[in-house]
N, C-alpha and C. Protein backbone atom coordinates (compact mmCIF):
# COMPACT_ATOMS: atom_id res chain seq x y z
N MET A 1 25.16 -16.84 -27.55
CA MET A 1 24.62 -15.58 -28.02
C MET A 1 23.10 -15.57 -27.96
N LYS A 2 22.47 -16.69 -28.36
CA LYS A 2 21.02 -16.78 -28.32
C LYS A 2 20.52 -16.71 -26.88
N LEU A 3 21.27 -17.29 -25.97
CA LEU A 3 20.88 -17.25 -24.56
C LEU A 3 20.93 -15.82 -24.03
N LEU A 4 21.92 -15.06 -24.43
CA LEU A 4 22.03 -13.66 -24.02
C LEU A 4 20.87 -12.83 -24.58
N ASN A 5 20.53 -13.05 -25.85
CA ASN A 5 19.40 -12.34 -26.45
C ASN A 5 18.09 -12.68 -25.75
N LEU A 6 17.90 -13.95 -25.42
CA LEU A 6 16.70 -14.37 -24.71
C LEU A 6 16.64 -13.74 -23.32
N PHE A 7 17.78 -13.67 -22.66
CA PHE A 7 17.85 -13.05 -21.34
C PHE A 7 17.50 -11.56 -21.41
N LEU A 8 18.09 -10.85 -22.39
CA LEU A 8 17.81 -9.42 -22.55
C LEU A 8 16.35 -9.18 -22.91
N LEU A 9 15.77 -10.01 -23.75
CA LEU A 9 14.37 -9.89 -24.12
C LEU A 9 13.47 -10.10 -22.90
N THR A 10 13.81 -11.06 -22.07
CA THR A 10 13.04 -11.33 -20.85
C THR A 10 13.11 -10.14 -19.89
N ILE A 11 14.28 -9.58 -19.72
CA ILE A 11 14.46 -8.42 -18.84
C ILE A 11 13.64 -7.24 -19.36
N CYS A 12 13.69 -6.99 -20.67
CA CYS A 12 12.91 -5.89 -21.25
C CYS A 12 11.42 -6.10 -21.05
N PHE A 13 10.96 -7.33 -21.18
CA PHE A 13 9.54 -7.65 -20.99
C PHE A 13 9.12 -7.40 -19.55
N ILE A 14 9.94 -7.79 -18.59
CA ILE A 14 9.62 -7.58 -17.18
C ILE A 14 9.60 -6.09 -16.85
N ILE A 15 10.53 -5.34 -17.37
CA ILE A 15 10.56 -3.89 -17.13
C ILE A 15 9.34 -3.22 -17.74
N ALA A 16 8.95 -3.65 -18.95
CA ALA A 16 7.77 -3.07 -19.60
C ALA A 16 6.50 -3.36 -18.80
N LEU A 17 6.37 -4.56 -18.25
CA LEU A 17 5.21 -4.89 -17.44
C LEU A 17 5.18 -4.06 -16.16
N ASP A 18 6.33 -3.86 -15.55
CA ASP A 18 6.40 -3.06 -14.33
C ASP A 18 6.03 -1.61 -14.61
N CYS A 19 6.52 -1.06 -15.72
CA CYS A 19 6.19 0.33 -16.07
C CYS A 19 4.71 0.47 -16.36
N LYS A 20 4.10 -0.51 -17.02
CA LYS A 20 2.68 -0.44 -17.33
C LYS A 20 1.86 -0.48 -16.05
N SER A 21 2.23 -1.32 -15.09
CA SER A 21 1.46 -1.41 -13.85
C SER A 21 1.57 -0.11 -13.04
N GLN A 22 2.71 0.57 -13.10
CA GLN A 22 2.85 1.83 -12.39
C GLN A 22 2.07 2.94 -13.08
N ASN A 23 2.00 2.90 -14.40
CA ASN A 23 1.32 3.96 -15.14
C ASN A 23 -0.20 3.83 -15.10
N ASP A 24 -0.73 2.64 -14.77
CA ASP A 24 -2.17 2.46 -14.73
C ASP A 24 -2.78 3.09 -13.49
N GLN A 25 -1.99 3.39 -12.48
CA GLN A 25 -2.51 3.94 -11.24
C GLN A 25 -2.73 5.44 -11.38
N ASP A 26 -3.82 5.92 -10.78
CA ASP A 26 -4.10 7.35 -10.79
C ASP A 26 -3.07 8.08 -9.93
N TYR A 27 -2.80 9.34 -10.28
CA TYR A 27 -1.89 10.15 -9.49
C TYR A 27 -2.19 11.62 -9.67
N ILE A 28 -1.71 12.42 -8.73
CA ILE A 28 -1.76 13.87 -8.86
C ILE A 28 -0.36 14.42 -8.62
N ILE A 29 -0.10 15.58 -9.19
CA ILE A 29 1.16 16.28 -8.96
C ILE A 29 0.85 17.47 -8.07
N HIS A 30 1.33 17.41 -6.83
CA HIS A 30 1.09 18.46 -5.84
C HIS A 30 1.84 19.73 -6.25
N ILE A 31 1.43 20.89 -5.75
CA ILE A 31 2.07 22.14 -6.15
C ILE A 31 3.54 22.21 -5.70
N ASN A 32 3.92 21.42 -4.69
CA ASN A 32 5.32 21.42 -4.27
C ASN A 32 6.16 20.42 -5.07
N GLY A 33 5.54 19.72 -6.05
CA GLY A 33 6.28 18.81 -6.92
C GLY A 33 6.16 17.34 -6.57
N ASP A 34 5.57 17.00 -5.44
CA ASP A 34 5.40 15.61 -5.06
C ASP A 34 4.34 14.93 -5.93
N THR A 35 4.56 13.66 -6.22
CA THR A 35 3.58 12.86 -6.94
C THR A 35 2.88 11.96 -5.92
N LEU A 36 1.56 12.10 -5.82
CA LEU A 36 0.76 11.32 -4.89
C LEU A 36 -0.05 10.31 -5.68
N ARG A 37 0.12 9.01 -5.36
CA ARG A 37 -0.54 7.95 -6.09
C ARG A 37 -1.64 7.31 -5.25
N GLY A 38 -2.66 6.86 -5.94
CA GLY A 38 -3.78 6.21 -5.28
C GLY A 38 -4.99 6.22 -6.20
N THR A 39 -6.15 5.96 -5.62
CA THR A 39 -7.40 6.03 -6.37
C THR A 39 -7.98 7.42 -6.19
N ILE A 40 -8.31 8.08 -7.31
CA ILE A 40 -8.77 9.47 -7.25
C ILE A 40 -10.22 9.54 -7.70
N GLU A 41 -10.99 10.29 -6.95
CA GLU A 41 -12.40 10.53 -7.28
C GLU A 41 -12.60 12.03 -7.47
N LEU A 42 -13.09 12.41 -8.65
CA LEU A 42 -13.41 13.81 -8.92
C LEU A 42 -14.74 14.15 -8.27
N LEU A 43 -14.76 15.20 -7.49
CA LEU A 43 -16.01 15.64 -6.87
C LEU A 43 -16.71 16.64 -7.78
N GLN A 44 -18.00 16.81 -7.57
CA GLN A 44 -18.77 17.75 -8.38
C GLN A 44 -18.26 19.17 -8.16
N PRO A 45 -18.21 19.97 -9.22
CA PRO A 45 -17.77 21.36 -9.05
C PRO A 45 -18.75 22.13 -8.17
N GLU A 46 -18.20 22.96 -7.31
CA GLU A 46 -19.01 23.81 -6.45
C GLU A 46 -18.78 25.26 -6.86
N LEU A 47 -19.61 26.15 -6.33
CA LEU A 47 -19.53 27.55 -6.71
C LEU A 47 -18.21 28.18 -6.28
N SER A 48 -17.72 27.83 -5.09
CA SER A 48 -16.53 28.50 -4.58
C SER A 48 -15.26 27.64 -4.62
N ASN A 49 -15.40 26.32 -4.79
CA ASN A 49 -14.23 25.46 -4.66
C ASN A 49 -14.44 24.17 -5.45
N GLU A 50 -13.35 23.61 -5.95
CA GLU A 50 -13.37 22.29 -6.56
C GLU A 50 -12.31 21.45 -5.88
N SER A 51 -12.57 20.16 -5.74
CA SER A 51 -11.61 19.30 -5.08
C SER A 51 -11.75 17.86 -5.54
N ILE A 52 -10.78 17.05 -5.12
CA ILE A 52 -10.78 15.63 -5.42
C ILE A 52 -10.57 14.87 -4.13
N ILE A 53 -10.85 13.58 -4.17
CA ILE A 53 -10.57 12.70 -3.03
C ILE A 53 -9.49 11.72 -3.48
N LEU A 54 -8.40 11.66 -2.73
CA LEU A 54 -7.30 10.73 -3.00
C LEU A 54 -7.35 9.64 -1.95
N LYS A 55 -7.57 8.40 -2.41
CA LYS A 55 -7.63 7.25 -1.51
C LYS A 55 -6.36 6.42 -1.70
N THR A 56 -5.66 6.19 -0.60
CA THR A 56 -4.50 5.31 -0.61
C THR A 56 -4.81 4.12 0.27
N GLU A 57 -3.82 3.24 0.43
CA GLU A 57 -4.03 2.06 1.26
C GLU A 57 -4.31 2.45 2.72
N ASN A 58 -3.67 3.52 3.19
CA ASN A 58 -3.75 3.87 4.61
C ASN A 58 -4.82 4.90 4.94
N ASN A 59 -5.10 5.83 4.03
CA ASN A 59 -6.04 6.91 4.38
C ASN A 59 -6.74 7.48 3.16
N GLN A 60 -7.55 8.47 3.43
CA GLN A 60 -8.29 9.18 2.39
C GLN A 60 -8.17 10.67 2.66
N ARG A 61 -7.81 11.44 1.60
CA ARG A 61 -7.61 12.89 1.76
C ARG A 61 -8.44 13.63 0.73
N ARG A 62 -8.95 14.77 1.14
CA ARG A 62 -9.62 15.68 0.21
C ARG A 62 -8.61 16.77 -0.13
N ILE A 63 -8.35 16.96 -1.43
CA ILE A 63 -7.35 17.92 -1.88
C ILE A 63 -8.04 18.96 -2.75
N SER A 64 -7.87 20.20 -2.39
CA SER A 64 -8.48 21.32 -3.11
C SER A 64 -7.76 21.54 -4.42
N SER A 65 -8.45 22.12 -5.38
CA SER A 65 -7.89 22.31 -6.72
C SER A 65 -6.72 23.30 -6.74
N ASN A 66 -6.59 24.14 -5.73
CA ASN A 66 -5.45 25.06 -5.71
C ASN A 66 -4.21 24.42 -5.07
N LYS A 67 -4.30 23.17 -4.68
CA LYS A 67 -3.17 22.47 -4.06
C LYS A 67 -2.46 21.50 -5.00
N PHE A 68 -2.97 21.32 -6.23
CA PHE A 68 -2.29 20.47 -7.19
C PHE A 68 -2.33 21.12 -8.57
N SER A 69 -1.39 20.70 -9.42
CA SER A 69 -1.31 21.29 -10.75
C SER A 69 -1.86 20.38 -11.84
N ARG A 70 -1.70 19.07 -11.66
CA ARG A 70 -2.09 18.13 -12.72
C ARG A 70 -2.50 16.82 -12.09
N ALA A 71 -3.42 16.11 -12.74
CA ALA A 71 -3.89 14.82 -12.25
C ALA A 71 -4.08 13.87 -13.42
N PHE A 72 -3.86 12.58 -13.17
CA PHE A 72 -4.10 11.53 -14.15
C PHE A 72 -5.14 10.60 -13.55
N ILE A 73 -6.35 10.65 -14.09
CA ILE A 73 -7.47 9.91 -13.53
C ILE A 73 -8.13 9.12 -14.65
N ASP A 74 -8.20 7.80 -14.49
CA ASP A 74 -8.85 6.91 -15.47
C ASP A 74 -8.34 7.16 -16.89
N ASN A 75 -7.03 7.18 -17.05
CA ASN A 75 -6.37 7.36 -18.35
C ASN A 75 -6.67 8.70 -19.01
N THR A 76 -7.01 9.70 -18.21
CA THR A 76 -7.29 11.04 -18.71
C THR A 76 -6.53 12.04 -17.86
N PHE A 77 -5.94 13.05 -18.50
CA PHE A 77 -5.23 14.10 -17.77
C PHE A 77 -6.19 15.24 -17.44
N TYR A 78 -6.06 15.77 -16.23
CA TYR A 78 -6.79 16.93 -15.77
C TYR A 78 -5.79 17.95 -15.26
N SER A 79 -6.10 19.22 -15.43
CA SER A 79 -5.24 20.28 -14.92
C SER A 79 -6.06 21.22 -14.05
N SER A 80 -5.41 21.78 -13.06
CA SER A 80 -6.03 22.78 -12.21
C SER A 80 -5.64 24.14 -12.76
N ILE A 81 -6.61 24.85 -13.30
CA ILE A 81 -6.35 26.10 -14.01
C ILE A 81 -7.14 27.22 -13.33
N ARG A 82 -6.47 28.34 -13.14
CA ARG A 82 -7.13 29.49 -12.52
C ARG A 82 -8.07 30.14 -13.53
N ASN A 83 -9.32 30.28 -13.12
CA ASN A 83 -10.35 30.89 -13.96
C ASN A 83 -11.08 31.92 -13.11
N GLY A 84 -10.73 33.18 -13.29
CA GLY A 84 -11.31 34.23 -12.45
C GLY A 84 -10.68 34.19 -11.07
N ASN A 85 -11.50 34.02 -10.05
CA ASN A 85 -10.99 34.03 -8.69
C ASN A 85 -10.89 32.64 -8.06
N LYS A 86 -11.06 31.56 -8.85
CA LYS A 86 -10.93 30.22 -8.29
C LYS A 86 -10.21 29.29 -9.27
N TYR A 87 -9.65 28.21 -8.74
CA TYR A 87 -9.00 27.20 -9.56
C TYR A 87 -10.04 26.15 -9.92
N GLN A 88 -10.09 25.81 -11.21
CA GLN A 88 -11.04 24.82 -11.67
C GLN A 88 -10.30 23.63 -12.25
N ILE A 89 -10.87 22.44 -12.08
CA ILE A 89 -10.30 21.22 -12.61
C ILE A 89 -10.87 21.03 -14.01
N MET A 90 -9.99 21.05 -15.01
CA MET A 90 -10.41 20.95 -16.40
C MET A 90 -9.78 19.73 -17.06
N ARG A 91 -10.56 19.04 -17.86
CA ARG A 91 -10.08 17.86 -18.59
C ARG A 91 -9.28 18.32 -19.80
N GLU A 92 -8.11 17.71 -19.98
CA GLU A 92 -7.24 18.08 -21.09
C GLU A 92 -7.68 17.34 -22.35
N ILE A 93 -8.01 18.09 -23.39
CA ILE A 93 -8.43 17.50 -24.66
C ILE A 93 -7.25 17.45 -25.62
N ILE A 94 -6.55 18.57 -25.79
CA ILE A 94 -5.35 18.64 -26.63
C ILE A 94 -4.22 19.21 -25.78
N PRO A 95 -3.14 18.42 -25.55
CA PRO A 95 -2.03 18.92 -24.74
C PRO A 95 -1.18 19.94 -25.48
N GLY A 96 -0.41 20.70 -24.73
CA GLY A 96 0.53 21.63 -25.34
C GLY A 96 0.46 23.00 -24.72
N TYR A 97 1.32 23.88 -25.24
CA TYR A 97 1.39 25.24 -24.73
C TYR A 97 0.06 25.97 -24.91
N LEU A 98 -0.55 25.82 -26.05
CA LEU A 98 -1.88 26.36 -26.30
C LEU A 98 -2.87 25.19 -26.32
N GLY A 99 -2.96 24.48 -25.20
CA GLY A 99 -3.79 23.30 -25.12
C GLY A 99 -5.27 23.65 -25.07
N LEU A 100 -6.08 22.63 -25.29
CA LEU A 100 -7.53 22.77 -25.23
C LEU A 100 -8.03 22.00 -24.03
N TYR A 101 -8.85 22.66 -23.19
CA TYR A 101 -9.36 22.06 -21.97
C TYR A 101 -10.88 22.15 -21.94
N GLU A 102 -11.49 21.17 -21.29
CA GLU A 102 -12.94 21.14 -21.15
C GLU A 102 -13.31 21.60 -19.75
N LEU A 103 -14.16 22.59 -19.67
CA LEU A 103 -14.59 23.16 -18.40
C LEU A 103 -15.75 22.35 -17.84
N ARG A 104 -15.73 22.11 -16.54
CA ARG A 104 -16.83 21.41 -15.86
C ARG A 104 -17.66 22.46 -15.12
N TYR A 105 -18.97 22.40 -15.25
CA TYR A 105 -19.86 23.37 -14.62
C TYR A 105 -20.45 22.81 -13.34
N GLU A 106 -20.98 23.69 -12.48
CA GLU A 106 -21.64 23.27 -11.26
C GLU A 106 -22.81 22.36 -11.60
N ASN A 107 -22.99 21.34 -10.78
CA ASN A 107 -24.08 20.36 -10.93
C ASN A 107 -24.04 19.64 -12.28
N ASN A 108 -22.86 19.55 -12.89
CA ASN A 108 -22.71 18.86 -14.17
C ASN A 108 -22.13 17.49 -13.89
N ILE A 109 -22.73 16.46 -14.44
CA ILE A 109 -22.24 15.10 -14.25
C ILE A 109 -21.53 14.66 -15.52
N ASP A 110 -20.26 14.29 -15.37
CA ASP A 110 -19.46 13.82 -16.50
C ASP A 110 -19.70 12.34 -16.66
N LEU A 111 -20.30 11.93 -17.75
CA LEU A 111 -20.65 10.53 -17.96
C LEU A 111 -19.56 9.73 -18.63
N LYS A 112 -18.40 10.30 -18.89
CA LYS A 112 -17.32 9.59 -19.56
C LYS A 112 -16.55 8.76 -18.60
């Protein structure tokens, strides 16, 4: 019985480590529902467009803010929210239906 408990504990520990390593990686959720994983770099907001750079092992892509709905970058959630006539990338402060988001302005450098 002790051997079975030790085996189950070991399996749970390995699964927990695997889940943690997958969750530490940055990702975005594309508008078609696909999850794209890699290293993500937020670009400075521009007057007409906002975008990010997704770097994977094989390539690097620039993705516009109207092509994804949500991103997880450096343990922080970002959402692409329509504000007027353009989609802006906003940092999520309080999640939920009536969530609170932080707006990024043109030529603003986020030091966090």
